[in-house]
C-alpha atoms as a PDB file:
ATOM      1  CA  MET A   1      14.160  -5.825   4.417  1.00  0.00           C
ATOM      2  CA  ASN A   2      17.231  -7.024   2.566  1.00  0.00           C
ATOM      3  CA  ARG A   3      20.190  -6.895   4.972  1.00  0.00           C
ATOM      4  CA  ILE A   4      22.923  -6.985   2.327  1.00  0.00           C
ATOM      5  CA  PRO A   5      24.866  -3.683   2.610  1.00  0.00           C
ATOM      6  CA  ASP A   6      24.747  -1.270  -0.302  1.00  0.00           C
ATOM      7  CA  THR A   7      28.527  -0.989  -0.236  1.00  0.00           C
ATOM      8  CA  ARG A   8      30.507  -3.355  -2.428  1.00  0.00           C
ATOM      9  CA  LEU A   9      33.614  -5.154  -1.257  1.00  0.00           C
ATOM     10  CA  SER A  10      36.569  -5.871  -3.506  1.00  0.00           C
ATOM     11  CA  ALA A  11      36.662  -9.644  -3.193  1.00  0.00           C
ATOM     12  CA  HIS A  12      39.124 -11.696  -5.183  1.00  0.00           C
ATOM     13  CA  GLY A  13      39.345  -9.040  -7.884  1.00  0.00           C
ATOM     14  CA  LEU A  14      35.561  -8.598  -8.108  1.00  0.00           C
ATOM     15  CA  ASP A  15      33.967  -5.340  -6.983  1.00  0.00           C
ATOM     16  CA  ILE A  16      30.990  -7.223  -5.561  1.00  0.00           C
ATOM     17  CA  GLY A  17      29.891  -8.940  -2.421  1.00  0.00           C
ATOM     18  CA  ILE A  18      29.651 -12.681  -3.008  1.00  0.00           C
ATOM     19  CA  ILE A  19      26.611 -14.753  -2.013  1.00  0.00           C
ATOM     20  CA  ASP A  20      27.161 -18.323  -0.839  1.00  0.00           C
ATOM     21  CA  ALA A  21      24.034 -20.204  -1.911  1.00  0.00           C
ATOM     22  CA  HIS A  22      24.765 -23.526  -0.200  1.00  0.00           C
ATOM     23  CA  CYS A  23      25.652 -23.686   3.508  1.00  0.00           C
ATOM     24  CA  HIS A  24      24.704 -25.900   6.450  1.00  0.00           C
ATOM     25  CA  LEU A  25      24.688 -25.445  10.213  1.00  0.00           C
ATOM     26  CA  PHE A  26      24.921 -29.072  11.264  1.00  0.00           C
ATOM     27  CA  SER A  27      24.630 -30.441  14.767  1.00  0.00           C
ATOM     28  CA  PRO A  28      27.517 -32.539  16.136  1.00  0.00           C
ATOM     29  CA  ARG A  29      25.162 -35.532  15.899  1.00  0.00           C
ATOM     30  CA  VAL A  30      25.002 -35.140  12.116  1.00  0.00           C
ATOM     31  CA  ILE A  31      28.796 -34.988  11.894  1.00  0.00           C
ATOM     32  CA  ASP A  32      29.055 -38.109  14.051  1.00  0.00           C
ATOM     33  CA  ASN A  33      26.782 -39.971  11.647  1.00  0.00           C
ATOM     34  CA  VAL A  34      28.672 -38.861   8.548  1.00  0.00           C
ATOM     35  CA  GLU A  35      32.017 -39.765  10.103  1.00  0.00           C
ATOM     36  CA  GLN A  36      30.810 -43.335  10.544  1.00  0.00           C
ATOM     37  CA  HIS A  37      30.801 -43.525   6.725  1.00  0.00           C
ATOM     38  CA  ARG A  38      34.041 -41.634   6.234  1.00  0.00           C
ATOM     39  CA  LYS A  39      35.780 -44.230   4.090  1.00  0.00           C
ATOM     40  CA  PRO A  40      33.050 -44.660   1.406  1.00  0.00           C
ATOM     41  CA  LEU A  41      32.658 -40.854   1.355  1.00  0.00           C
ATOM     42  CA  GLY A  42      36.353 -40.388   0.569  1.00  0.00           C
ATOM     43  CA  ALA A  43      35.723 -39.416  -3.049  1.00  0.00           C
ATOM     44  CA  LEU A  44      33.880 -36.285  -1.882  1.00  0.00           C
ATOM     45  CA  GLN A  45      37.054 -34.938  -0.219  1.00  0.00           C
ATOM     46  CA  LEU A  46      35.136 -33.589   2.775  1.00  0.00           C
ATOM     47  CA  ASP A  47      37.228 -31.640   5.280  1.00  0.00           C
ATOM     48  CA  PHE A  48      36.703 -33.831   8.330  1.00  0.00           C
ATOM     49  CA  GLY A  49      39.704 -32.271  10.038  1.00  0.00           C
ATOM     50  CA  ARG A  50      38.129 -28.832  10.489  1.00  0.00           C
ATOM     51  CA  VAL A  51      34.395 -29.429  10.203  1.00  0.00           C
ATOM     52  CA  ARG A  52      33.723 -29.423  13.955  1.00  0.00           C
ATOM     53  CA  GLN A  53      35.120 -25.897  14.196  1.00  0.00           C
ATOM     54  CA  ARG A  54      32.503 -24.679  11.713  1.00  0.00           C
ATOM     55  CA  LEU A  55      29.165 -25.617  13.272  1.00  0.00           C
ATOM     56  CA  THR A  56      27.959 -22.241  14.577  1.00  0.00           C
ATOM     57  CA  PRO A  57      26.479 -19.174  12.884  1.00  0.00           C
ATOM     58  CA  GLN A  58      29.383 -17.161  14.278  1.00  0.00           C
ATOM     59  CA  SER A  59      31.964 -19.350  12.541  1.00  0.00           C
ATOM     60  CA  LEU A  60      30.089 -19.110   9.245  1.00  0.00           C
ATOM     61  CA  LEU A  61      29.806 -15.338   9.503  1.00  0.00           C
ATOM     62  CA  ALA A  62      33.493 -14.985  10.365  1.00  0.00           C
ATOM     63  CA  SER A  63      34.534 -17.080   7.367  1.00  0.00           C
ATOM     64  CA  ALA A  64      32.193 -15.175   5.072  1.00  0.00           C
ATOM     65  CA  SER A  65      33.385 -11.771   6.265  1.00  0.00           C
ATOM     66  CA  ALA A  66      37.036 -12.704   5.844  1.00  0.00           C
ATOM     67  CA  SER A  67      36.452 -13.687   2.213  1.00  0.00           C
ATOM     68  CA  GLY A  68      34.200 -10.905   0.954  1.00  0.00           C
ATOM     69  CA  VAL A  69      31.003 -12.937   1.219  1.00  0.00           C
ATOM     70  CA  GLU A  70      28.098 -10.665   2.115  1.00  0.00           C
ATOM     71  CA  ALA A  71      25.336 -13.235   2.542  1.00  0.00           C
ATOM     72  CA  CYS A  72      24.952 -16.973   3.057  1.00  0.00           C
ATOM     73  CA  LEU A  73      21.954 -19.216   2.494  1.00  0.00           C
ATOM     74  CA  VAL A  74      21.604 -21.943   5.110  1.00  0.00           C
ATOM     75  CA  LEU A  75      19.824 -25.107   3.973  1.00  0.00           C
ATOM     76  CA  TYR A  76      17.889 -27.159   6.503  1.00  0.00           C
ATOM     77  CA  THR A  77      16.311 -30.603   6.184  1.00  0.00           C
ATOM     78  CA  ALA A  78      14.844 -32.937   8.797  1.00  0.00           C
ATOM     79  CA  ASP A  79      12.972 -36.162   9.348  1.00  0.00           C
ATOM     80  CA  ARG A  80       9.227 -35.695   8.979  1.00  0.00           C
ATOM     81  CA  ASP A  81       8.490 -35.484  12.716  1.00  0.00           C
ATOM     82  CA  ARG A  82      11.183 -32.844  13.300  1.00  0.00           C
ATOM     83  CA  ILE A  83      10.250 -30.559  10.414  1.00  0.00           C
ATOM     84  CA  PRO A  84       8.209 -28.000  12.416  1.00  0.00           C
ATOM     85  CA  GLU A  85      10.985 -27.394  14.962  1.00  0.00           C
ATOM     86  CA  THR A  86      13.588 -27.280  12.176  1.00  0.00           C
ATOM     87  CA  ASN A  87      11.568 -24.706  10.269  1.00  0.00           C
ATOM     88  CA  ARG A  88      11.239 -22.562  13.390  1.00  0.00           C
ATOM     89  CA  ARG A  89      15.029 -22.571  13.624  1.00  0.00           C
ATOM     90  CA  ALA A  90      15.279 -21.621   9.962  1.00  0.00           C
ATOM     91  CA  LEU A  91      12.837 -18.742  10.425  1.00  0.00           C
ATOM     92  CA  GLU A  92      14.737 -17.415  13.431  1.00  0.00           C
ATOM     93  CA  LEU A  93      17.871 -17.325  11.328  1.00  0.00           C
ATOM     94  CA  HIS A  94      16.138 -15.912   8.249  1.00  0.00           C
ATOM     95  CA  THR A  95      14.529 -13.024  10.105  1.00  0.00           C
ATOM     96  CA  GLY A  96      17.480 -12.344  12.411  1.00  0.00           C
ATOM     97  CA  PRO A  97      19.892  -9.393  12.295  1.00  0.00           C
ATOM     98  CA  THR A  98      22.761 -11.053  10.415  1.00  0.00           C
ATOM     99  CA  ALA A  99      23.350 -11.713   6.708  1.00  0.00           C
ATOM    100  CA  LEU A 100      22.306 -15.351   7.069  1.00  0.00           C
ATOM    101  CA  TYR A 101      19.179 -16.483   5.260  1.00  0.00           C
ATOM    102  CA  ALA A 102      17.439 -19.827   5.146  1.00  0.00           C
ATOM    103  CA  LEU A 103      15.019 -22.031   3.281  1.00  0.00           C
ATOM    104  CA  GLY A 104      12.553 -24.288   5.035  1.00  0.00           C
ATOM    105  CA  THR A 105      11.854 -27.943   4.413  1.00  0.00           C
ATOM    106  CA  ALA A 106       8.817 -30.225   4.236  1.00  0.00           C
ATOM    107  CA  HIS A 107       7.634 -33.771   3.560  1.00  0.00           C
ATOM    108  CA  PRO A 108       4.633 -35.050   1.557  1.00  0.00           C
ATOM    109  CA  ASP A 109       3.295 -36.883   4.646  1.00  0.00           C
ATOM    110  CA  LEU A 110       3.669 -33.962   7.055  1.00  0.00           C
ATOM    111  CA  LEU A 111       0.511 -33.228   9.047  1.00  0.00           C
ATOM    112  CA  GLY A 112      -0.480 -29.603   8.574  1.00  0.00           C
ATOM    113  CA  LEU A 113       1.627 -29.321   5.427  1.00  0.00           C
ATOM    114  CA  GLU A 114      -0.251 -26.371   3.947  1.00  0.00           C
ATOM    115  CA  GLU A 115      -0.054 -24.348   7.162  1.00  0.00           C
ATOM    116  CA  GLU A 116       3.666 -25.108   7.447  1.00  0.00           C
ATOM    117  CA  LEU A 117       4.300 -23.897   3.907  1.00  0.00           C
ATOM    118  CA  GLN A 118       2.220 -20.775   4.460  1.00  0.00           C
ATOM    119  CA  CYS A 119       4.249 -19.932   7.563  1.00  0.00           C
ATOM    120  CA  LEU A 120       7.477 -20.157   5.587  1.00  0.00           C
ATOM    121  CA  ALA A 121       6.215 -18.155   2.617  1.00  0.00           C
ATOM    122  CA  ARG A 122       4.655 -15.404   4.718  1.00  0.00           C
ATOM    123  CA  ALA A 123       7.930 -14.967   6.587  1.00  0.00           C
ATOM    124  CA  GLY A 124       9.645 -14.180   3.285  1.00  0.00           C
ATOM    125  CA  THR A 125      11.611 -17.372   2.750  1.00  0.00           C
ATOM    126  CA  ARG A 126      12.010 -18.091  -0.944  1.00  0.00           C
ATOM    127  CA  GLY A 127      11.348 -21.827  -0.932  1.00  0.00           C
ATOM    128  CA  LEU A 128      12.327 -25.279   0.291  1.00  0.00           C
ATOM    129  CA  LYS A 129      15.288 -27.608   0.550  1.00  0.00           C
ATOM    130  CA  PHE A 130      14.923 -31.383   0.265  1.00  0.00           C
ATOM    131  CA  SER A 131      17.459 -34.098   0.857  1.00  0.00           C
ATOM    132  CA  SER A 132      15.372 -36.810  -0.728  1.00  0.00           C
ATOM    133  CA  PHE A 133      17.678 -39.652   0.304  1.00  0.00           C
ATOM    134  CA  SER A 134      17.795 -38.741   4.001  1.00  0.00           C
ATOM    135  CA  GLN A 135      14.164 -37.619   4.240  1.00  0.00           C
ATOM    136  CA  ALA A 136      12.831 -40.685   2.389  1.00  0.00           C
ATOM    137  CA  ILE A 137      11.035 -38.645  -0.277  1.00  0.00           C
ATOM    138  CA  ASP A 138      10.197 -40.362  -3.559  1.00  0.00           C
ATOM    139  CA  LEU A 139      10.387 -37.548  -6.107  1.00  0.00           C
ATOM    140  CA  ALA A 140       8.408 -39.567  -8.664  1.00  0.00           C
ATOM    141  CA  ASP A 141       5.490 -40.189  -6.305  1.00  0.00           C
ATOM    142  CA  HIS A 142       2.102 -38.490  -6.653  1.00  0.00           C
ATOM    143  CA  GLY A 143       2.288 -37.420  -3.012  1.00  0.00           C
ATOM    144  CA  THR A 144       5.438 -35.457  -3.792  1.00  0.00           C
ATOM    145  CA  PHE A 145       3.792 -33.954  -6.856  1.00  0.00           C
ATOM    146  CA  GLY A 146       0.903 -32.822  -4.677  1.00  0.00           C
ATOM    147  CA  MET A 147       3.295 -31.212  -2.188  1.00  0.00           C
ATOM    148  CA  LEU A 148       5.065 -29.298  -4.960  1.00  0.00           C
ATOM    149  CA  GLU A 149       1.762 -28.152  -6.484  1.00  0.00           C
ATOM    150  CA  LEU A 150       0.722 -26.917  -3.058  1.00  0.00           C
ATOM    151  CA  ALA A 151       4.022 -25.106  -2.538  1.00  0.00           C
ATOM    152  CA  GLU A 152       3.728 -23.424  -5.917  1.00  0.00           C
ATOM    153  CA  GLY A 153       0.290 -22.090  -5.003  1.00  0.00           C
ATOM    154  CA  VAL A 154       1.303 -20.970  -1.520  1.00  0.00           C
ATOM    155  CA  TRP A 155       4.308 -18.968  -2.710  1.00  0.00           C
ATOM    156  CA  ARG A 156       2.388 -17.556  -5.665  1.00  0.00           C
ATOM    157  CA  ALA A 157      -0.208 -16.238  -3.212  1.00  0.00           C
ATOM    158  CA  GLU A 158       2.619 -14.272  -1.574  1.00  0.00           C
ATOM    159  CA  GLY A 159       3.744 -12.876  -4.935  1.00  0.00           C
ATOM    160  CA  MET A 160       6.766 -15.175  -5.300  1.00  0.00           C
ATOM    161  CA  THR A 161       7.969 -18.038  -7.449  1.00  0.00           C
ATOM    162  CA  PRO A 162       9.205 -20.761  -5.091  1.00  0.00           C
ATOM    163  CA  THR A 163      12.701 -22.178  -5.345  1.00  0.00           C
ATOM    164  CA  VAL A 164      13.273 -25.837  -4.486  1.00  0.00           C
ATOM    165  CA  VAL A 165      16.825 -26.995  -3.754  1.00  0.00           C
ATOM    166  CA  LEU A 166      17.449 -30.710  -4.160  1.00  0.00           C
ATOM    167  CA  ASP A 167      20.384 -32.692  -2.869  1.00  0.00           C
ATOM    168  CA  THR A 168      21.777 -34.914  -5.612  1.00  0.00           C
ATOM    169  CA  PHE A 169      24.047 -37.435  -3.891  1.00  0.00           C
ATOM    170  CA  VAL A 170      23.543 -40.358  -6.261  1.00  0.00           C
ATOM    171  CA  ARG A 171      25.625 -42.822  -4.224  1.00  0.00           C
ATOM    172  CA  ALA A 172      23.520 -42.546  -1.073  1.00  0.00           C
ATOM    173  CA  ASP A 173      22.278 -46.088  -1.589  1.00  0.00           C
ATOM    174  CA  LYS A 174      25.829 -47.450  -1.452  1.00  0.00           C
ATOM    175  CA  VAL A 175      27.027 -45.242   1.410  1.00  0.00           C
ATOM    176  CA  PHE A 176      23.972 -44.957   3.654  1.00  0.00           C
ATOM    177  CA  GLY A 177      21.848 -47.876   2.441  1.00  0.00           C
ATOM    178  CA  THR A 178      19.192 -45.539   1.067  1.00  0.00           C
ATOM    179  CA  ASP A 179      16.409 -46.961  -1.093  1.00  0.00           C
ATOM    180  CA  GLN A 180      17.147 -45.993  -4.710  1.00  0.00           C
ATOM    181  CA  HIS A 181      13.621 -44.566  -5.046  1.00  0.00           C
ATOM    182  CA  TYR A 182      14.714 -41.751  -2.726  1.00  0.00           C
ATOM    183  CA  ILE A 183      17.741 -40.586  -4.712  1.00  0.00           C
ATOM    184  CA  THR A 184      17.646 -37.427  -6.838  1.00  0.00           C
ATOM    185  CA  ARG A 185      19.300 -38.654 -10.014  1.00  0.00           C
ATOM    186  CA  PRO A 186      19.856 -36.304 -12.977  1.00  0.00           C
ATOM    187  CA  ALA A 187      16.912 -37.772 -14.919  1.00  0.00           C
ATOM    188  CA  VAL A 188      14.595 -37.277 -11.933  1.00  0.00           C
ATOM    189  CA  LEU A 189      15.705 -33.664 -11.597  1.00  0.00           C
ATOM    190  CA  SER A 190      15.061 -33.037 -15.291  1.00  0.00           C
ATOM    191  CA  SER A 191      11.632 -34.646 -15.034  1.00  0.00           C
ATOM    192  CA  LEU A 192      10.619 -32.356 -12.168  1.00  0.00           C
ATOM    193  CA  THR A 193      11.725 -29.197 -13.958  1.00  0.00           C
ATOM    194  CA  ALA A 194       9.591 -30.179 -16.950  1.00  0.00           C
ATOM    195  CA  ARG A 195       6.565 -31.115 -14.819  1.00  0.00           C
ATOM    196  CA  PHE A 196       6.640 -27.943 -12.687  1.00  0.00           C
ATOM    197  CA  PRO A 197       7.595 -24.955 -14.863  1.00  0.00           C
ATOM    198  CA  GLY A 198       6.253 -22.616 -12.162  1.00  0.00           C
ATOM    199  CA  ILE A 199       8.964 -23.689  -9.700  1.00  0.00           C
ATOM    200  CA  ASN A 200      12.651 -22.840  -9.910  1.00  0.00           C
ATOM    201  CA  PHE A 201      14.736 -25.911  -9.108  1.00  0.00           C
ATOM    202  CA  ILE A 202      18.342 -25.888  -7.974  1.00  0.00           C
ATOM    203  CA  GLY A 203      20.267 -29.109  -8.409  1.00  0.00           C
ATOM    204  CA  ALA A 204      22.921 -28.979  -5.725  1.00  0.00           C
ATOM    205  CA  HIS A 205      26.491 -30.046  -6.520  1.00  0.00           C
ATOM    206  CA  MET A 206      26.131 -29.252 -10.257  1.00  0.00           C
ATOM    207  CA  GLY A 207      23.168 -31.594 -10.545  1.00  0.00           C
ATOM    208  CA  GLY A 208      24.639 -34.934  -9.583  1.00  0.00           C
ATOM    209  CA  LEU A 209      27.100 -35.344  -6.726  1.00  0.00           C
ATOM    210  CA  ALA A 210      29.429 -38.276  -7.465  1.00  0.00           C
ATOM    211  CA  ALA A 211      27.332 -39.176 -10.505  1.00  0.00           C
ATOM    212  CA  ASP A 212      28.914 -40.857 -13.476  1.00  0.00           C
ATOM    213  CA  PHE A 213      29.576 -37.963 -15.838  1.00  0.00           C
ATOM    214  CA  THR A 214      28.065 -39.832 -18.771  1.00  0.00           C
ATOM    215  CA  GLU A 215      24.764 -40.019 -16.878  1.00  0.00           C
ATOM    216  CA  LEU A 216      24.993 -36.398 -15.788  1.00  0.00           C
ATOM    217  CA  ALA A 217      25.686 -35.137 -19.302  1.00  0.00           C
ATOM    218  CA  ARG A 218      23.045 -37.379 -20.884  1.00  0.00           C
ATOM    219  CA  ASP A 219      20.147 -36.981 -18.464  1.00  0.00           C
ATOM    220  CA  LEU A 220      20.347 -33.425 -17.112  1.00  0.00           C
ATOM    221  CA  ALA A 221      18.816 -31.192 -19.742  1.00  0.00           C
ATOM    222  CA  ALA A 222      19.215 -27.428 -19.560  1.00  0.00           C
ATOM    223  CA  ALA A 223      15.936 -25.635 -18.782  1.00  0.00           C
ATOM    224  CA  GLU A 224      14.742 -22.130 -17.958  1.00  0.00           C
ATOM    225  CA  ASN A 225      13.750 -23.173 -14.434  1.00  0.00           C
ATOM    226  CA  LEU A 226      16.758 -25.408 -13.705  1.00  0.00           C
ATOM    227  CA  PHE A 227      19.755 -24.007 -11.859  1.00  0.00           C
ATOM    228  CA  LEU A 228      22.883 -25.702 -10.534  1.00  0.00           C
ATOM    229  CA  ASP A 229      25.044 -24.755  -7.571  1.00  0.00           C
ATOM    230  CA  THR A 230      28.771 -25.346  -7.491  1.00  0.00           C
ATOM    231  CA  SER A 231      29.025 -26.843  -3.995  1.00  0.00           C
ATOM    232  CA  ASN A 232      31.415 -29.804  -3.675  1.00  0.00           C
ATOM    233  CA  ALA A 233      31.314 -30.483  -7.416  1.00  0.00           C
ATOM    234  CA  ALA A 234      34.781 -29.071  -8.095  1.00  0.00           C
ATOM    235  CA  HIS A 235      36.098 -31.885  -5.882  1.00  0.00           C
ATOM    236  CA  THR A 236      34.301 -34.710  -7.690  1.00  0.00           C
ATOM    237  CA  LEU A 237      34.346 -33.545 -11.325  1.00  0.00           C
ATOM    238  CA  SER A 238      37.400 -32.933 -13.458  1.00  0.00           C
ATOM    239  CA  ALA A 239      37.983 -29.375 -14.638  1.00  0.00           C
ATOM    240  CA  LEU A 240      36.867 -30.379 -18.143  1.00  0.00           C
ATOM    241  CA  GLN A 241      33.677 -31.980 -16.846  1.00  0.00           C
ATOM    242  CA  PHE A 242      32.908 -28.999 -14.629  1.00  0.00           C
ATOM    243  CA  THR A 243      33.433 -26.438 -17.394  1.00  0.00           C
ATOM    244  CA  THR A 244      31.396 -28.561 -19.816  1.00  0.00           C
ATOM    245  CA  LEU A 245      28.439 -28.244 -17.447  1.00  0.00           C
ATOM    246  CA  LEU A 246      29.076 -24.519 -17.004  1.00  0.00           C
ATOM    247  CA  LYS A 247      28.914 -23.950 -20.747  1.00  0.00           C
ATOM    248  CA  ARG A 248      25.918 -26.226 -21.288  1.00  0.00           C
ATOM    249  CA  HIS A 249      23.730 -24.614 -18.634  1.00  0.00           C
ATOM    250  CA  GLY A 250      25.102 -21.087 -18.943  1.00  0.00           C
ATOM    251  CA  ALA A 251      26.147 -18.435 -16.440  1.00  0.00           C
ATOM    252  CA  ALA A 252      22.547 -17.361 -15.838  1.00  0.00           C
ATOM    253  CA  ARG A 253      21.774 -20.802 -14.370  1.00  0.00           C
ATOM    254  CA  ILE A 254      24.773 -21.330 -12.065  1.00  0.00           C
ATOM    255  CA  LEU A 255      25.079 -20.283  -8.401  1.00  0.00           C
ATOM    256  CA  PHE A 256      28.202 -20.227  -6.264  1.00  0.00           C
ATOM    257  CA  GLY A 257      28.019 -22.432  -3.170  1.00  0.00           C
ATOM    258  CA  THR A 258      30.599 -23.882  -0.796  1.00  0.00           C
ATOM    259  CA  ASP A 259      28.781 -26.703   1.044  1.00  0.00           C
ATOM    260  CA  TRP A 260      30.012 -25.154   4.297  1.00  0.00           C
ATOM    261  CA  PRO A 261      31.073 -26.555   6.793  1.00  0.00           C
ATOM    262  CA  TRP A 262      32.646 -29.252   4.614  1.00  0.00           C
ATOM    263  CA  PHE A 263      34.543 -26.617   2.616  1.00  0.00           C
ATOM    264  CA  SER A 264      35.679 -23.063   3.364  1.00  0.00           C
ATOM    265  CA  HIS A 265      35.199 -19.798   1.515  1.00  0.00           C
ATOM    266  CA  ARG A 266      38.923 -19.118   1.446  1.00  0.00           C
ATOM    267  CA  GLU A 267      39.523 -22.284  -0.570  1.00  0.00           C
ATOM    268  CA  GLU A 268      36.356 -22.548  -2.643  1.00  0.00           C
ATOM    269  CA  ILE A 269      36.101 -19.015  -4.022  1.00  0.00           C
ATOM    270  CA  PRO A 270      39.403 -19.037  -5.957  1.00  0.00           C
ATOM    271  CA  LYS A 271      38.778 -22.623  -7.072  1.00  0.00           C
ATOM    272  CA  ILE A 272      35.414 -21.712  -8.637  1.00  0.00           C
ATOM    273  CA  LEU A 273      36.700 -18.445 -10.089  1.00  0.00           C
ATOM    274  CA  ARG A 274      39.448 -20.362 -11.919  1.00  0.00           C
ATOM    275  CA  LEU A 275      36.861 -22.734 -13.394  1.00  0.00           C
ATOM    276  CA  LEU A 276      34.646 -19.838 -14.501  1.00  0.00           C
ATOM    277  CA  GLU A 277      37.663 -18.340 -16.231  1.00  0.00           C
ATOM    278  CA  GLN A 278      38.473 -21.657 -17.903  1.00  0.00           C
ATOM    279  CA  ALA A 279      34.876 -21.794 -19.163  1.00  0.00           C
ATOM    280  CA  GLY A 280      35.422 -18.422 -20.846  1.00  0.00           C
ATOM    281  CA  PHE A 281      32.907 -16.537 -18.714  1.00  0.00           C
ATOM    282  CA  GLY A 282      33.182 -12.761 -18.886  1.00  0.00           C
ATOM    283  CA  GLU A 283      32.973 -10.309 -15.994  1.00  0.00           C
ATOM    284  CA  ASP A 284      29.181  -9.955 -16.087  1.00  0.00           C
ATOM    285  CA  GLU A 285      28.781 -13.731 -16.187  1.00  0.00           C
ATOM    286  CA  VAL A 286      31.100 -14.187 -13.223  1.00  0.00           C
ATOM    287  CA  ARG A 287      29.102 -11.584 -11.299  1.00  0.00           C
ATOM    288  CA  ALA A 288      25.911 -13.493 -12.042  1.00  0.00           C
ATOM    289  CA  VAL A 289      27.346 -16.775 -10.774  1.00  0.00           C
ATOM    290  CA  MET A 290      28.999 -15.338  -7.679  1.00  0.00           C
ATOM    291  CA  ARG A 291      26.152 -13.065  -6.636  1.00  0.00           C
ATOM    292  CA  GLY A 292      23.369 -12.056  -8.997  1.00  0.00           C
ATOM    293  CA  ASN A 293      21.610 -15.361  -9.594  1.00  0.00           C
ATOM    294  CA  ALA A 294      21.444 -16.231  -5.906  1.00  0.00           C
ATOM    295  CA  GLY A 295      20.205 -12.763  -5.048  1.00  0.00           C
ATOM    296  CA  ASP A 296      17.370 -13.071  -7.542  1.00  0.00           C
ATOM    297  CA  LEU A 297      16.332 -16.604  -6.553  1.00  0.00           C
ATOM    298  CA  LEU A 298      16.962 -16.945  -2.861  1.00  0.00           C
ATOM    299  CA  LEU A 299      17.107 -13.660  -0.969  1.00  0.00           C
ATOM    300  CA  PRO A 300      14.234 -11.438   0.168  1.00  0.00           C
ATOM    301  CA  THR A 301      12.994  -9.049  -2.476  1.00  0.00           C
ATOM    302  CA  GLY A 302      11.876  -6.190  -0.241  1.00  0.00           C
END
């Protein structure tokens, strides 16, 4: 059952409850690792000063409630050997009593892949999240294609179209030493959306975090099954670049996301609303970005 209340909150001038489509509940170990690369990550403007206060479900719920956010989607990824335990954690959150939902994750080389996907789909999750650079997933490899074909069939059997969220940090090779084959570049994202029309793809961070805008504009083609979330991107793109992408892909293909715990709802909501206004989006379009699109793609339908 959908746990979003029927009542609507007046949030930032909108008579709606906002959905945050991009959140994380990191462990302190993850923060420790990221902080080791703090200097080369400076362009992302991550809030290192307050991130350690934001690592629990309670802190996320408190932030959401204070800002008129009615539901948050938590995105999990893991190394191949830790995927089953990570997915169990995601399912506990997804089926729990609070307005926190989750996607699972997977890997092409995971033993018992089909059973793992079936467990996620039958529990009502709407799809998968991949961080290709940290999970060492080559998105142009036939093994990955096979995993996506399998996921499409598994979710279709449950009466759903799967959604796949992809991290798009294109400088992971320079910051973390990642093999370039494991980076989700704009052209790779476009290729996947064309190859798998039966899957809805979300390119996190407006499709190319820290990407050269020329590459992003040239290689990321708008498509019916391609969506972008706003997380972090307002800190790495200029206002003109951001609104150019908004107009090109359209309000029906954009989802609001904060990238919590790196950014807060209190700061991100007005920032994104200003950019939507600058793009000339009307009230119905703003509602779609801030709530409707995420509700359709990512939250339980029953």
